[in-house]
Amino acid sequence: MAKRAVVLLSGGMDSAVCLAVAQREGMETWPLSFDYGQRHLLELESARAVAAAMGVPPSRHRILDLGRVFSGSALTGDAPVPLDRAAEEMARDIPITYVPARNLVFLALATAVAEPAGAGDLFIGVNALDYSGYPDCRPAFITAFEQAARLGTKAGVRVHAPLAHMTKADIARLGASLGAPLHLTLSCYLGQRPACGRCDACQLRLKGFAEAGMADPIAYAGGAGR
């Protein structure tokens, strides 16, 4: 009998590839997505489409409505999302698109969902190389959370971050090799189709596909990515 794993699925490229990795490892995957008042709410449609395309029964994909629990971020408020930032600027500091404690809350809720469902593994698609400097994407955070989850649960939960040390190019190649439906994913912070191609998430994604020598399969305003 396959082991069960809860997989955090945002609808973006990284989480879709993470789901594909969990399936490659023989896990019975239970995707978990969140409606937390994000301006890019359209990503939940992508999450549904990705899960369905990867053979996950609708009954195993949960979407939790958290309301507007998060604040202090351009992704959950009215502050403008930064556009057209240079790579050097992205690497300089933590951007306004950082959502305080988001992954901490998501992983805690995933742990609460996993244990009674008999899932001893959590998968999260965080990345610590080509990313926007979010502190809750760092490997040290994942390690610390896993230790807390093991101490704070009856069964002990393992946390997997298989993309943590990969570049966006590596992730694009891996996703293609595993047949992940990258054409269904959405990374744009503005939450629009075609994607803007100008926010940090779009730029990092486009950079990754370019470095991988691949065309990004989603549409961008102005035709970027082709």
C-alpha atoms as a PDB file:
ATOM      1  CA  MET A   1       0.000   0.000   0.000  1.00  0.00           C
ATOM      2  CA  ALA A   2       1.414   3.388  -1.018  1.00  0.00           C
ATOM      3  CA  LYS A   3       2.349   5.849   1.695  1.00  0.00           C
ATOM      4  CA  ARG A   4       0.197   8.964   1.869  1.00  0.00           C
ATOM      5  CA  ALA A   5       1.663  12.429   1.529  1.00  0.00           C
ATOM      6  CA  VAL A   6       0.104  15.862   1.843  1.00  0.00           C
ATOM      7  CA  VAL A   7       1.497  18.131  -0.881  1.00  0.00           C
ATOM      8  CA  LEU A   8       1.147  21.906  -0.658  1.00  0.00           C
ATOM      9  CA  LEU A   9      -0.175  22.897  -4.081  1.00  0.00           C
ATOM     10  CA  SER A  10      -0.408  26.597  -4.885  1.00  0.00           C
ATOM     11  CA  GLY A  11      -0.955  26.218  -8.616  1.00  0.00           C
ATOM     12  CA  GLY A  12       2.498  27.575  -9.470  1.00  0.00           C
ATOM     13  CA  MET A  13       5.298  25.785 -11.277  1.00  0.00           C
ATOM     14  CA  ASP A  14       7.306  24.778  -8.209  1.00  0.00           C
ATOM     15  CA  SER A  15       4.382  23.194  -6.377  1.00  0.00           C
ATOM     16  CA  ALA A  16       3.291  21.306  -9.515  1.00  0.00           C
ATOM     17  CA  VAL A  17       6.792  19.871  -9.917  1.00  0.00           C
ATOM     18  CA  CYS A  18       6.845  19.020  -6.209  1.00  0.00           C
ATOM     19  CA  LEU A  19       3.591  17.081  -6.657  1.00  0.00           C
ATOM     20  CA  ALA A  20       5.176  15.217  -9.584  1.00  0.00           C
ATOM     21  CA  VAL A  21       8.205  14.359  -7.431  1.00  0.00           C
ATOM     22  CA  ALA A  22       5.984  12.963  -4.671  1.00  0.00           C
ATOM     23  CA  GLN A  23       4.149  10.821  -7.208  1.00  0.00           C
ATOM     24  CA  ARG A  24       7.449   9.638  -8.684  1.00  0.00           C
ATOM     25  CA  GLU A  25       8.400   8.461  -5.205  1.00  0.00           C
ATOM     26  CA  GLY A  26       5.298   6.295  -5.131  1.00  0.00           C
ATOM     27  CA  MET A  27       3.286   8.435  -2.726  1.00  0.00           C
ATOM     28  CA  GLU A  28      -0.499   8.544  -2.665  1.00  0.00           C
ATOM     29  CA  THR A  29      -0.741  12.317  -2.911  1.00  0.00           C
ATOM     30  CA  TRP A  30      -3.250  14.499  -1.105  1.00  0.00           C
ATOM     31  CA  PRO A  31      -2.847  18.082  -2.393  1.00  0.00           C
ATOM     32  CA  LEU A  32      -3.664  20.951  -0.053  1.00  0.00           C
ATOM     33  CA  SER A  33      -4.300  24.494  -1.296  1.00  0.00           C
ATOM     34  CA  PHE A  34      -5.226  27.712   0.492  1.00  0.00           C
ATOM     35  CA  ASP A  35      -7.489  30.660  -0.190  1.00  0.00           C
ATOM     36  CA  TYR A  36      -5.946  33.331   2.023  1.00  0.00           C
ATOM     37  CA  GLY A  37      -7.158  36.498   0.350  1.00  0.00           C
ATOM     38  CA  GLN A  38      -4.286  36.536  -2.146  1.00  0.00           C
ATOM     39  CA  ARG A  39      -4.674  38.885  -5.096  1.00  0.00           C
ATOM     40  CA  HIS A  40      -3.488  36.068  -7.360  1.00  0.00           C
ATOM     41  CA  LEU A  41      -6.493  33.936  -6.379  1.00  0.00           C
ATOM     42  CA  LEU A  42      -6.634  32.667  -9.956  1.00  0.00           C
ATOM     43  CA  GLU A  43      -3.821  30.320  -8.956  1.00  0.00           C
ATOM     44  CA  LEU A  44      -6.390  28.107  -7.213  1.00  0.00           C
ATOM     45  CA  GLU A  45      -7.961  27.362 -10.588  1.00  0.00           C
ATOM     46  CA  SER A  46      -4.512  26.296 -11.724  1.00  0.00           C
ATOM     47  CA  ALA A  47      -4.136  24.118  -8.620  1.00  0.00           C
ATOM     48  CA  ARG A  48      -7.403  22.331  -9.411  1.00  0.00           C
ATOM     49  CA  ALA A  49      -6.384  21.835 -13.030  1.00  0.00           C
ATOM     50  CA  VAL A  50      -2.912  20.570 -12.114  1.00  0.00           C
ATOM     51  CA  ALA A  51      -4.259  18.083  -9.571  1.00  0.00           C
ATOM     52  CA  ALA A  52      -6.833  16.758 -12.023  1.00  0.00           C
ATOM     53  CA  ALA A  53      -4.271  16.474 -14.839  1.00  0.00           C
ATOM     54  CA  MET A  54      -2.006  14.474 -12.534  1.00  0.00           C
ATOM     55  CA  GLY A  55      -4.720  11.978 -11.694  1.00  0.00           C
ATOM     56  CA  VAL A  56      -5.616  13.157  -8.209  1.00  0.00           C
ATOM     57  CA  PRO A  57      -9.278  12.425  -7.396  1.00  0.00           C
ATOM     58  CA  PRO A  58     -11.189  15.600  -6.418  1.00  0.00           C
ATOM     59  CA  SER A  59     -11.963  14.053  -3.036  1.00  0.00           C
ATOM     60  CA  ARG A  60      -8.247  14.064  -2.180  1.00  0.00           C
ATOM     61  CA  HIS A  61      -7.629  17.737  -3.057  1.00  0.00           C
ATOM     62  CA  ARG A  62      -8.590  20.078  -0.230  1.00  0.00           C
ATOM     63  CA  ILE A  63      -8.775  23.864  -0.484  1.00  0.00           C
ATOM     64  CA  LEU A  64      -8.883  25.592   2.896  1.00  0.00           C
ATOM     65  CA  ASP A  65     -10.411  29.052   3.174  1.00  0.00           C
ATOM     66  CA  LEU A  66      -8.358  31.070   5.642  1.00  0.00           C
ATOM     67  CA  GLY A  67     -10.118  34.350   5.017  1.00  0.00           C
ATOM     68  CA  ARG A  68      -7.807  37.336   5.358  1.00  0.00           C
ATOM     69  CA  VAL A  69      -5.567  35.999   8.089  1.00  0.00           C
ATOM     70  CA  PHE A  70      -2.412  37.443   6.491  1.00  0.00           C
ATOM     71  CA  SER A  71      -1.487  41.109   6.186  1.00  0.00           C
ATOM     72  CA  GLY A  72       1.604  43.197   5.622  1.00  0.00           C
ATOM     73  CA  SER A  73       2.145  42.031   2.044  1.00  0.00           C
ATOM     74  CA  ALA A  74       1.459  43.366  -1.434  1.00  0.00           C
ATOM     75  CA  LEU A  75      -0.043  39.963  -2.232  1.00  0.00           C
ATOM     76  CA  THR A  76      -2.789  40.357   0.365  1.00  0.00           C
ATOM     77  CA  GLY A  77      -3.289  44.121   0.407  1.00  0.00           C
ATOM     78  CA  ASP A  78      -3.512  47.163  -1.810  1.00  0.00           C
ATOM     79  CA  ALA A  79       0.190  48.019  -2.066  1.00  0.00           C
ATOM     80  CA  PRO A  80       1.447  47.766  -5.648  1.00  0.00           C
ATOM     81  CA  VAL A  81       3.310  44.633  -6.690  1.00  0.00           C
ATOM     82  CA  PRO A  82       6.870  45.577  -7.755  1.00  0.00           C
ATOM     83  CA  LEU A  83       7.455  45.268 -11.496  1.00  0.00           C
ATOM     84  CA  ASP A  84      10.510  45.180 -13.745  1.00  0.00           C
ATOM     85  CA  ARG A  85      13.002  44.761 -10.896  1.00  0.00           C
ATOM     86  CA  ALA A  86      16.560  43.830 -11.795  1.00  0.00           C
ATOM     87  CA  ALA A  87      17.962  40.568 -10.441  1.00  0.00           C
ATOM     88  CA  GLU A  88      20.343  42.505  -8.205  1.00  0.00           C
ATOM     89  CA  GLU A  89      17.438  44.372  -6.649  1.00  0.00           C
ATOM     90  CA  MET A  90      15.504  41.135  -6.043  1.00  0.00           C
ATOM     91  CA  ALA A  91      18.483  39.701  -4.168  1.00  0.00           C
ATOM     92  CA  ARG A  92      19.053  42.805  -2.047  1.00  0.00           C
ATOM     93  CA  ASP A  93      16.322  42.470   0.572  1.00  0.00           C
ATOM     94  CA  ILE A  94      12.999  40.852   1.447  1.00  0.00           C
ATOM     95  CA  PRO A  95      10.387  42.292  -0.944  1.00  0.00           C
ATOM     96  CA  ILE A  96       6.945  43.646  -0.154  1.00  0.00           C
ATOM     97  CA  THR A  97       5.437  40.499  -1.705  1.00  0.00           C
ATOM     98  CA  TYR A  98       6.661  38.467   1.275  1.00  0.00           C
ATOM     99  CA  VAL A  99       3.639  37.191   3.230  1.00  0.00           C
ATOM    100  CA  PRO A 100       4.673  37.015   6.918  1.00  0.00           C
ATOM    101  CA  ALA A 101       4.592  33.468   8.358  1.00  0.00           C
ATOM    102  CA  ARG A 102       2.713  32.070   5.356  1.00  0.00           C
ATOM    103  CA  ASN A 103       4.703  28.848   5.024  1.00  0.00           C
ATOM    104  CA  LEU A 104       4.790  28.444   8.790  1.00  0.00           C
ATOM    105  CA  VAL A 105       0.982  28.557   8.893  1.00  0.00           C
ATOM    106  CA  PHE A 106       0.601  26.399   5.779  1.00  0.00           C
ATOM    107  CA  LEU A 107       2.903  23.694   7.101  1.00  0.00           C
ATOM    108  CA  ALA A 108       1.237  23.726  10.520  1.00  0.00           C
ATOM    109  CA  LEU A 109      -2.185  23.257   8.923  1.00  0.00           C
ATOM    110  CA  ALA A 110      -0.811  20.597   6.595  1.00  0.00           C
ATOM    111  CA  THR A 111       0.501  18.747   9.648  1.00  0.00           C
ATOM    112  CA  ALA A 112      -2.932  18.958  11.268  1.00  0.00           C
ATOM    113  CA  VAL A 113      -4.511  17.566   8.093  1.00  0.00           C
ATOM    114  CA  ALA A 114      -1.869  14.882   7.578  1.00  0.00           C
ATOM    115  CA  GLU A 115      -1.826  13.077  10.907  1.00  0.00           C
ATOM    116  CA  PRO A 116      -5.516  12.075  11.136  1.00  0.00           C
ATOM    117  CA  ALA A 117      -5.471  11.173   7.426  1.00  0.00           C
ATOM    118  CA  GLY A 118      -2.633   8.732   7.995  1.00  0.00           C
ATOM    119  CA  ALA A 119      -0.150  10.775   5.970  1.00  0.00           C
ATOM    120  CA  GLY A 120       3.312  10.755   7.489  1.00  0.00           C
ATOM    121  CA  ASP A 121       4.934  12.947   4.843  1.00  0.00           C
ATOM    122  CA  LEU A 122       4.556  16.579   3.775  1.00  0.00           C
ATOM    123  CA  PHE A 123       5.910  17.970   0.506  1.00  0.00           C
ATOM    124  CA  ILE A 124       6.483  21.675  -0.079  1.00  0.00           C
ATOM    125  CA  GLY A 125       7.972  23.257  -3.204  1.00  0.00           C
ATOM    126  CA  VAL A 126      10.075  25.960  -1.576  1.00  0.00           C
ATOM    127  CA  ASN A 127      13.250  27.015  -3.340  1.00  0.00           C
ATOM    128  CA  ALA A 128      16.270  28.791  -1.853  1.00  0.00           C
ATOM    129  CA  LEU A 129      18.257  29.635  -4.982  1.00  0.00           C
ATOM    130  CA  ASP A 130      16.193  31.406  -7.667  1.00  0.00           C
ATOM    131  CA  TYR A 131      13.620  33.021  -5.376  1.00  0.00           C
ATOM    132  CA  SER A 132      12.706  36.410  -3.940  1.00  0.00           C
ATOM    133  CA  GLY A 133      14.522  36.167  -0.608  1.00  0.00           C
ATOM    134  CA  TYR A 134      11.638  34.944   1.543  1.00  0.00           C
ATOM    135  CA  PRO A 135      12.899  33.742   4.947  1.00  0.00           C
ATOM    136  CA  ASP A 136      10.324  30.925   5.105  1.00  0.00           C
ATOM    137  CA  CYS A 137      11.835  29.330   1.983  1.00  0.00           C
ATOM    138  CA  ARG A 138      15.214  28.719   3.584  1.00  0.00           C
ATOM    139  CA  PRO A 139      16.341  25.123   4.247  1.00  0.00           C
ATOM    140  CA  ALA A 140      17.056  26.009   7.890  1.00  0.00           C
ATOM    141  CA  PHE A 141      13.395  26.934   8.353  1.00  0.00           C
ATOM    142  CA  ILE A 142      12.199  23.651   6.823  1.00  0.00           C
ATOM    143  CA  THR A 143      14.578  21.669   9.045  1.00  0.00           C
ATOM    144  CA  ALA A 144      13.412  23.529  12.151  1.00  0.00           C
ATOM    145  CA  PHE A 145       9.753  23.033  11.289  1.00  0.00           C
ATOM    146  CA  GLU A 146      10.244  19.314  10.695  1.00  0.00           C
ATOM    147  CA  GLN A 147      11.849  18.980  14.114  1.00  0.00           C
ATOM    148  CA  ALA A 148       8.907  20.801  15.689  1.00  0.00           C
ATOM    149  CA  ALA A 149       6.411  18.645  13.776  1.00  0.00           C
ATOM    150  CA  ARG A 150       8.098  15.455  14.909  1.00  0.00           C
ATOM    151  CA  LEU A 151       8.046  16.608  18.518  1.00  0.00           C
ATOM    152  CA  GLY A 152       4.527  17.984  18.344  1.00  0.00           C
ATOM    153  CA  THR A 153       2.669  15.105  16.698  1.00  0.00           C
ATOM    154  CA  LYS A 154       1.856  11.594  17.824  1.00  0.00           C
ATOM    155  CA  ALA A 155       3.118   9.834  14.708  1.00  0.00           C
ATOM    156  CA  GLY A 156       5.883  12.223  13.698  1.00  0.00           C
ATOM    157  CA  VAL A 157       5.713  13.931  10.326  1.00  0.00           C
ATOM    158  CA  ARG A 158       8.502  14.144   7.755  1.00  0.00           C
ATOM    159  CA  VAL A 159       8.841  17.318   5.691  1.00  0.00           C
ATOM    160  CA  HIS A 160      10.264  17.100   2.175  1.00  0.00           C
ATOM    161  CA  ALA A 161      11.472  20.117   0.189  1.00  0.00           C
ATOM    162  CA  PRO A 162      12.888  18.403  -2.918  1.00  0.00           C
ATOM    163  CA  LEU A 163      13.379  21.634  -4.873  1.00  0.00           C
ATOM    164  CA  ALA A 164      15.143  23.577  -2.127  1.00  0.00           C
ATOM    165  CA  HIS A 165      18.590  23.553  -3.707  1.00  0.00           C
ATOM    166  CA  MET A 166      17.537  23.654  -7.346  1.00  0.00           C
ATOM    167  CA  THR A 167      17.632  26.583  -9.742  1.00  0.00           C
ATOM    168  CA  LYS A 168      14.512  27.543 -11.663  1.00  0.00           C
ATOM    169  CA  ALA A 169      16.170  26.058 -14.751  1.00  0.00           C
ATOM    170  CA  ASP A 170      16.657  22.767 -12.904  1.00  0.00           C
ATOM    171  CA  ILE A 171      13.016  22.835 -11.793  1.00  0.00           C
ATOM    172  CA  ALA A 172      11.776  23.491 -15.328  1.00  0.00           C
ATOM    173  CA  ARG A 173      13.842  20.574 -16.663  1.00  0.00           C
ATOM    174  CA  LEU A 174      12.698  18.269 -13.863  1.00  0.00           C
ATOM    175  CA  GLY A 175       9.072  19.197 -14.396  1.00  0.00           C
ATOM    176  CA  ALA A 176       9.330  18.472 -18.104  1.00  0.00           C
ATOM    177  CA  SER A 177      11.050  15.134 -17.473  1.00  0.00           C
ATOM    178  CA  LEU A 178       8.315  14.070 -15.035  1.00  0.00           C
ATOM    179  CA  GLY A 179       5.481  15.194 -17.304  1.00  0.00           C
ATOM    180  CA  ALA A 180       4.221  17.827 -14.881  1.00  0.00           C
ATOM    181  CA  PRO A 181       1.513  19.942 -16.569  1.00  0.00           C
ATOM    182  CA  LEU A 182       3.518  23.168 -16.535  1.00  0.00           C
ATOM    183  CA  HIS A 183       1.179  24.661 -19.132  1.00  0.00           C
ATOM    184  CA  LEU A 184      -1.571  24.705 -16.497  1.00  0.00           C
ATOM    185  CA  THR A 185       0.441  26.508 -13.819  1.00  0.00           C
ATOM    186  CA  LEU A 186       0.330  30.184 -12.894  1.00  0.00           C
ATOM    187  CA  SER A 187       3.162  32.049 -11.162  1.00  0.00           C
ATOM    188  CA  CYS A 188       2.191  35.678 -11.783  1.00  0.00           C
ATOM    189  CA  TYR A 189       1.830  37.803  -8.635  1.00  0.00           C
ATOM    190  CA  LEU A 190      -0.796  39.913 -10.386  1.00  0.00           C
ATOM    191  CA  GLY A 191      -2.807  36.744 -10.918  1.00  0.00           C
ATOM    192  CA  GLN A 192      -3.616  37.329 -14.535  1.00  0.00           C
ATOM    193  CA  ARG A 193      -3.699  35.390 -17.771  1.00  0.00           C
ATOM    194  CA  PRO A 194      -1.747  36.086 -19.880  1.00  0.00           C
ATOM    195  CA  ALA A 195       0.831  36.456 -17.093  1.00  0.00           C
ATOM    196  CA  CYS A 196       2.349  39.923 -16.733  1.00  0.00           C
ATOM    197  CA  GLY A 197       5.953  38.872 -17.352  1.00  0.00           C
ATOM    198  CA  ARG A 198       7.144  41.767 -15.171  1.00  0.00           C
ATOM    199  CA  CYS A 199       6.657  40.813 -11.498  1.00  0.00           C
ATOM    200  CA  ASP A 200       9.432  39.004  -9.630  1.00  0.00           C
ATOM    201  CA  ALA A 201       7.727  35.621  -9.955  1.00  0.00           C
ATOM    202  CA  CYS A 202       7.247  35.946 -13.711  1.00  0.00           C
ATOM    203  CA  GLN A 203      10.794  37.180 -14.248  1.00  0.00           C
ATOM    204  CA  LEU A 204      12.337  34.360 -12.219  1.00  0.00           C
ATOM    205  CA  ARG A 205      10.214  31.816 -14.069  1.00  0.00           C
ATOM    206  CA  LEU A 206      11.095  33.229 -17.488  1.00  0.00           C
ATOM    207  CA  LYS A 207      14.775  33.309 -16.534  1.00  0.00           C
ATOM    208  CA  GLY A 208      14.596  29.659 -15.514  1.00  0.00           C
ATOM    209  CA  PHE A 209      13.031  28.496 -18.754  1.00  0.00           C
ATOM    210  CA  ALA A 210      15.495  30.567 -20.779  1.00  0.00           C
ATOM    211  CA  GLU A 211      18.467  29.083 -18.925  1.00  0.00           C
ATOM    212  CA  ALA A 212      17.007  25.607 -19.419  1.00  0.00           C
ATOM    213  CA  GLY A 213      16.768  26.262 -23.159  1.00  0.00           C
ATOM    214  CA  MET A 214      13.012  25.725 -23.058  1.00  0.00           C
ATOM    215  CA  ALA A 215       9.992  27.779 -24.048  1.00  0.00           C
ATOM    216  CA  ASP A 216       7.678  28.574 -21.176  1.00  0.00           C
ATOM    217  CA  PRO A 217       4.363  26.913 -22.126  1.00  0.00           C
ATOM    218  CA  ILE A 218       2.130  29.607 -20.596  1.00  0.00           C
ATOM    219  CA  ALA A 219       1.124  32.847 -22.283  1.00  0.00           C
ATOM    220  CA  TYR A 220       2.595  36.203 -21.328  1.00  0.00           C
ATOM    221  CA  ALA A 221       1.476  39.718 -22.127  1.00  0.00           C
ATOM    222  CA  GLY A 222       3.589  40.924 -25.018  1.00  0.00           C
ATOM    223  CA  GLY A 223       4.563  37.395 -26.020  1.00  0.00           C
ATOM    224  CA  ALA A 224       7.427  36.898 -23.541  1.00  0.00           C
ATOM    225  CA  GLY A 225       8.666  33.376 -22.964  1.00  0.00           C
ATOM    226  CA  ARG A 226       8.415  32.151 -26.551  1.00  0.00           C
END
